[in-house]
Protein backbone atom coordinates (compact mmCIF):
# COMPACT_ATOMS: atom_id res chain seq x y z
CA UNK A 1 0.00 0.00 0.00
CA UNK A 2 1.11 3.53 -0.76
CA UNK A 3 0.03 6.56 1.26
CA UNK A 4 -1.04 9.17 -1.30
CA UNK A 5 -2.85 11.72 0.83
CA UNK A 6 -3.28 12.57 4.49
CA UNK A 7 -5.98 14.91 5.71
CA UNK A 8 -7.21 15.95 9.13
CA UNK A 9 -9.71 13.09 9.32
CA UNK A 10 -8.31 10.31 7.15
CA UNK A 11 -5.37 8.72 5.38
CA UNK A 12 -5.81 7.71 1.74
CA UNK A 13 -3.88 4.71 0.42
CA UNK A 14 -3.45 3.33 -3.09
CA UNK A 15 -3.43 -0.45 -3.13
CA UNK A 16 -4.20 -3.41 -5.41
CA UNK A 17 -6.78 -6.16 -5.18
CA UNK A 18 -3.96 -8.69 -5.09
CA UNK A 19 -2.77 -7.22 -1.77
CA UNK A 20 -6.24 -7.43 -0.22
CA UNK A 21 -8.29 -10.22 -1.76
CA UNK A 22 -7.28 -11.96 -4.97
CA UNK A 23 -3.63 -12.65 -5.84
CA UNK A 24 -4.54 -12.77 -9.54
CA UNK A 25 -6.26 -9.35 -9.67
CA UNK A 26 -4.01 -6.31 -10.07
CA UNK A 27 -6.80 -3.72 -10.13
CA UNK A 28 -6.01 -0.54 -8.21
CA UNK A 29 -8.18 0.43 -5.26
CA UNK A 30 -8.36 3.27 -2.76
CA UNK A 31 -8.40 2.59 0.97
CA UNK A 32 -9.73 5.42 3.08
CA UNK A 33 -8.85 5.03 6.76
CA UNK A 34 -10.46 7.39 9.26
CA UNK A 35 -7.76 7.73 11.85
CA UNK A 36 -8.33 7.93 15.64
CA UNK A 37 -8.13 11.31 17.31
CA UNK A 38 -6.32 11.11 20.64
CA UNK A 39 -7.72 14.41 21.87
CA UNK A 40 -11.26 12.98 21.79
CA UNK A 41 -12.74 10.62 24.37
CA UNK A 42 -12.27 7.13 22.93
CA UNK A 43 -15.96 6.19 22.86
CA UNK A 44 -16.94 9.51 21.25
CA UNK A 45 -14.12 9.23 18.72
CA UNK A 46 -15.13 5.70 17.71
CA UNK A 47 -18.76 6.74 17.39
CA UNK A 48 -17.95 9.72 15.16
CA UNK A 49 -15.58 7.75 12.95
CA UNK A 50 -18.10 4.94 12.57
CA UNK A 51 -20.94 7.34 11.77
CA UNK A 52 -18.90 9.18 9.13
CA UNK A 53 -17.59 5.96 7.58
CA UNK A 54 -21.08 4.48 7.28
CA UNK A 55 -22.51 7.72 5.93
CA UNK A 56 -19.88 8.06 3.22
CA UNK A 57 -20.41 4.46 2.09
CA UNK A 58 -24.19 4.95 1.98
CA UNK A 59 -23.83 8.22 0.10
CA UNK A 60 -21.67 6.56 -2.56
CA UNK A 61 -24.06 3.63 -2.88
CA UNK A 62 -27.12 5.85 -3.34
CA UNK A 63 -25.29 8.17 -5.72
CA UNK A 64 -24.48 5.15 -7.89
CA UNK A 65 -28.15 4.15 -7.86
CA UNK A 66 -29.03 7.58 -9.29
CA UNK A 67 -26.48 7.32 -12.08
CA UNK A 68 -23.75 9.52 -10.63
CA UNK A 69 -20.26 8.71 -11.87
CA UNK A 70 -18.43 8.04 -8.60
CA UNK A 71 -16.33 5.24 -7.06
CA UNK A 72 -17.78 1.81 -6.33
CA UNK A 73 -17.54 0.73 -2.69
CA UNK A 74 -16.02 -2.75 -2.39
CA UNK A 75 -15.84 -3.13 1.38
CA UNK A 76 -16.64 -1.24 4.58
CA UNK A 77 -14.58 -2.23 7.62
CA UNK A 78 -16.21 -0.84 10.77
CA UNK A 79 -13.58 -2.35 13.03
CA UNK A 80 -10.76 -0.24 11.61
CA UNK A 81 -13.05 2.42 10.05
CA UNK A 82 -11.89 1.80 6.48
CA UNK A 83 -13.62 1.99 3.13
CA UNK A 84 -12.16 0.10 0.17
CA UNK A 85 -13.34 1.70 -3.05
CA UNK A 86 -12.65 1.90 -6.75
CA UNK A 87 -9.65 3.95 -7.85
CA UNK A 88 -10.76 6.45 -10.51
CA UNK A 89 -7.73 6.80 -12.75
CA UNK A 90 -7.81 9.67 -15.21
CA UNK A 91 -7.15 13.38 -15.64
CA UNK A 92 -8.06 15.83 -12.89
CA UNK A 93 -10.35 18.54 -14.23
CA UNK A 94 -8.51 21.30 -12.36
CA UNK A 95 -5.61 20.99 -14.80
CA UNK A 96 -7.46 19.55 -17.79
CA UNK A 97 -9.95 22.43 -18.09
CA UNK A 98 -7.08 24.87 -18.53
CA UNK A 99 -5.51 22.91 -21.37
CA UNK A 100 -8.40 22.02 -23.69
CA UNK A 101 -10.11 24.12 -26.39
CA UNK A 102 -12.95 26.39 -25.30
CA UNK A 103 -15.72 24.23 -26.79
CA UNK A 104 -14.48 21.10 -25.02
CA UNK A 105 -14.04 23.05 -21.79
CA UNK A 106 -17.65 24.23 -21.84
CA UNK A 107 -18.91 20.75 -22.73
CA UNK A 108 -17.09 19.41 -19.67
CA UNK A 109 -18.66 22.12 -17.51
CA UNK A 110 -22.09 21.11 -18.77
CA UNK A 111 -21.32 17.49 -17.86
CA UNK A 112 -20.26 18.62 -14.38
CA UNK A 113 -23.72 20.17 -14.07
CA UNK A 114 -25.39 16.91 -15.11
CA UNK A 115 -23.46 14.94 -12.51
CA UNK A 116 -24.26 17.44 -9.74
CA UNK A 117 -27.89 17.41 -10.86
CA UNK A 118 -28.06 13.63 -10.49
CA UNK A 119 -26.40 13.89 -7.08
CA UNK A 120 -28.93 16.47 -5.87
CA UNK A 121 -31.77 14.42 -7.36
CA UNK A 122 -30.63 11.64 -5.02
CA UNK A 123 -30.97 14.03 -2.07
CA UNK A 124 -27.20 14.24 -1.59
CA UNK A 125 -24.91 17.25 -1.32
CA UNK A 126 -21.20 16.76 -1.96
CA UNK A 127 -19.88 19.40 0.43
CA UNK A 128 -16.60 19.94 -1.41
CA UNK A 129 -17.41 20.52 -5.08
CA UNK A 130 -14.20 21.67 -6.73
CA UNK A 131 -12.58 20.71 -10.02
CA UNK A 132 -9.84 19.09 -7.91
CA UNK A 133 -12.45 16.49 -6.91
CA UNK A 134 -13.46 15.68 -10.48
CA UNK A 135 -11.73 13.22 -12.80
CA UNK A 136 -12.19 12.63 -16.53
CA UNK A 137 -11.99 8.90 -17.26
CA UNK A 138 -12.83 7.42 -20.66
CA UNK A 139 -14.70 10.60 -21.60
CA UNK A 140 -16.84 10.64 -18.45
CA UNK A 141 -16.67 13.10 -15.55
CA UNK A 142 -16.41 11.38 -12.15
CA UNK A 143 -16.98 12.98 -8.76
CA UNK A 144 -14.62 11.84 -6.00
CA UNK A 145 -13.83 12.56 -2.33
CA UNK A 146 -17.21 12.30 -0.61
CA UNK A 147 -15.84 12.77 2.91
CA UNK A 148 -17.99 15.87 3.52
CA UNK A 149 -21.06 14.60 1.65
CA UNK A 150 -24.41 14.24 3.38
CA UNK A 151 -28.04 13.42 2.79
CA UNK A 152 -29.77 16.79 2.54
CA UNK A 153 -32.45 17.48 -0.11
CA UNK A 154 -33.13 21.08 0.92
CA UNK A 155 -32.84 23.97 -1.52
CA UNK A 156 -30.53 25.76 0.93
CA UNK A 157 -28.04 22.89 1.09
CA UNK A 158 -28.06 22.40 -2.67
CA UNK A 159 -27.60 26.13 -3.18
CA UNK A 160 -24.60 26.14 -0.84
CA UNK A 161 -23.17 23.14 -2.73
CA UNK A 162 -23.32 24.97 -6.06
CA UNK A 163 -22.22 28.26 -4.50
CA UNK A 164 -19.06 26.55 -3.27
CA UNK A 165 -18.46 25.15 -6.76
CA UNK A 166 -18.88 28.62 -8.27
CA UNK A 167 -16.41 30.11 -5.80
CA UNK A 168 -13.94 27.29 -6.43
CA UNK A 169 -14.20 27.86 -10.20
CA UNK A 170 -13.75 31.59 -9.74
CA UNK A 171 -10.59 30.97 -7.72
CA UNK A 172 -9.05 28.33 -9.99
CA UNK A 173 -10.44 29.24 -13.42
CA UNK A 174 -10.96 32.98 -12.96
CA UNK A 175 -10.45 34.00 -16.61
CA UNK A 176 -13.49 32.06 -17.85
CA UNK A 177 -15.43 30.82 -14.80
CA UNK A 178 -18.60 32.88 -15.49
CA UNK A 179 -19.27 31.22 -18.83
CA UNK A 180 -18.20 27.88 -17.39
CA UNK A 181 -20.62 28.14 -14.48
CA UNK A 182 -23.43 29.08 -16.87
CA UNK A 183 -22.78 25.77 -18.62
CA UNK A 184 -22.80 23.97 -15.26
CA UNK A 185 -26.30 25.34 -14.63
CA UNK A 186 -27.38 24.34 -18.16
CA UNK A 187 -26.27 20.76 -17.53
CA UNK A 188 -28.00 20.84 -14.14
CA UNK A 189 -31.24 21.96 -15.83
CA UNK A 190 -31.04 19.03 -18.28
CA UNK A 191 -31.29 16.66 -15.32
CA UNK A 192 -33.56 18.49 -12.87
CA UNK A 193 -35.56 20.75 -15.15
CA UNK A 194 -35.43 24.44 -15.93
CA UNK A 195 -37.64 25.46 -12.99
CA UNK A 196 -35.45 23.72 -10.41
CA UNK A 197 -32.29 25.15 -11.99
CA UNK A 198 -33.74 28.66 -11.83
CA UNK A 199 -34.65 28.13 -8.15
CA UNK A 200 -31.07 27.07 -7.45
CA UNK A 201 -29.68 30.04 -9.39
CA UNK A 202 -31.82 32.41 -7.29
CA UNK A 203 -30.72 30.65 -4.10
CA UNK A 204 -27.05 31.02 -5.09
CA UNK A 205 -27.57 34.75 -5.66
CA UNK A 206 -29.26 35.01 -2.26
CA UNK A 207 -26.35 33.23 -0.58
CA UNK A 208 -23.90 35.55 -2.33
CA UNK A 209 -25.85 38.63 -1.22
CA UNK A 210 -25.74 37.39 2.38
CA UNK A 211 -21.98 37.13 2.12
CA UNK A 212 -21.67 40.65 0.72
CA UNK A 213 -23.90 41.99 3.50
CA UNK A 214 -21.71 40.37 6.16
CA UNK A 215 -18.60 41.82 4.54
CA UNK A 216 -20.10 45.33 4.50
CA UNK A 217 -21.22 44.97 8.10
CA UNK A 218 -17.75 43.86 9.17
CA UNK A 219 -16.10 46.75 7.33
CA UNK A 220 -18.58 49.21 8.81
């Protein structure tokens, strides 16, 4: 196993099926291990890690049922708080979107919108929608890293989800993010309908206006 990422809550390892299950299968997998926190009371820590591990596995399973391109879950280990899941090997959209022609870039943004639309249709919010958490594999956009995802079908939560994506695009792809985000909303409308997309667009604008009001209040 190879440690490829370490966050505050978990360590991410790259491994192969042959190391875990079948000596004849060399398929790559991801192992996400939610690590213990010594500063927390042991029973509370175990409860939180178990809850978050189960939730992430359930989120991924339901997202798959609704047609979202995301990793398959192969195993959930509630003794060590590990999830073994499919490794999505491809090109990260954060870099790819900056290197492709404009037409392809906008088509990819529209596909991002379709995937987010399917996710929200399942009553799930991702919680960390950035182009760093999106992979292009065999011409399909995959969403990854569901550690902050949750079941929440409310307009507010979905608006926050897309607002965070818009801000992330503005930060990373600032020269063209406005047109790109318009395409995201177009793809979203293809899945959830024009009326729902317009509701979400209005909610995003409301969330943005709240942020501007807080900034003015702080300055004042």
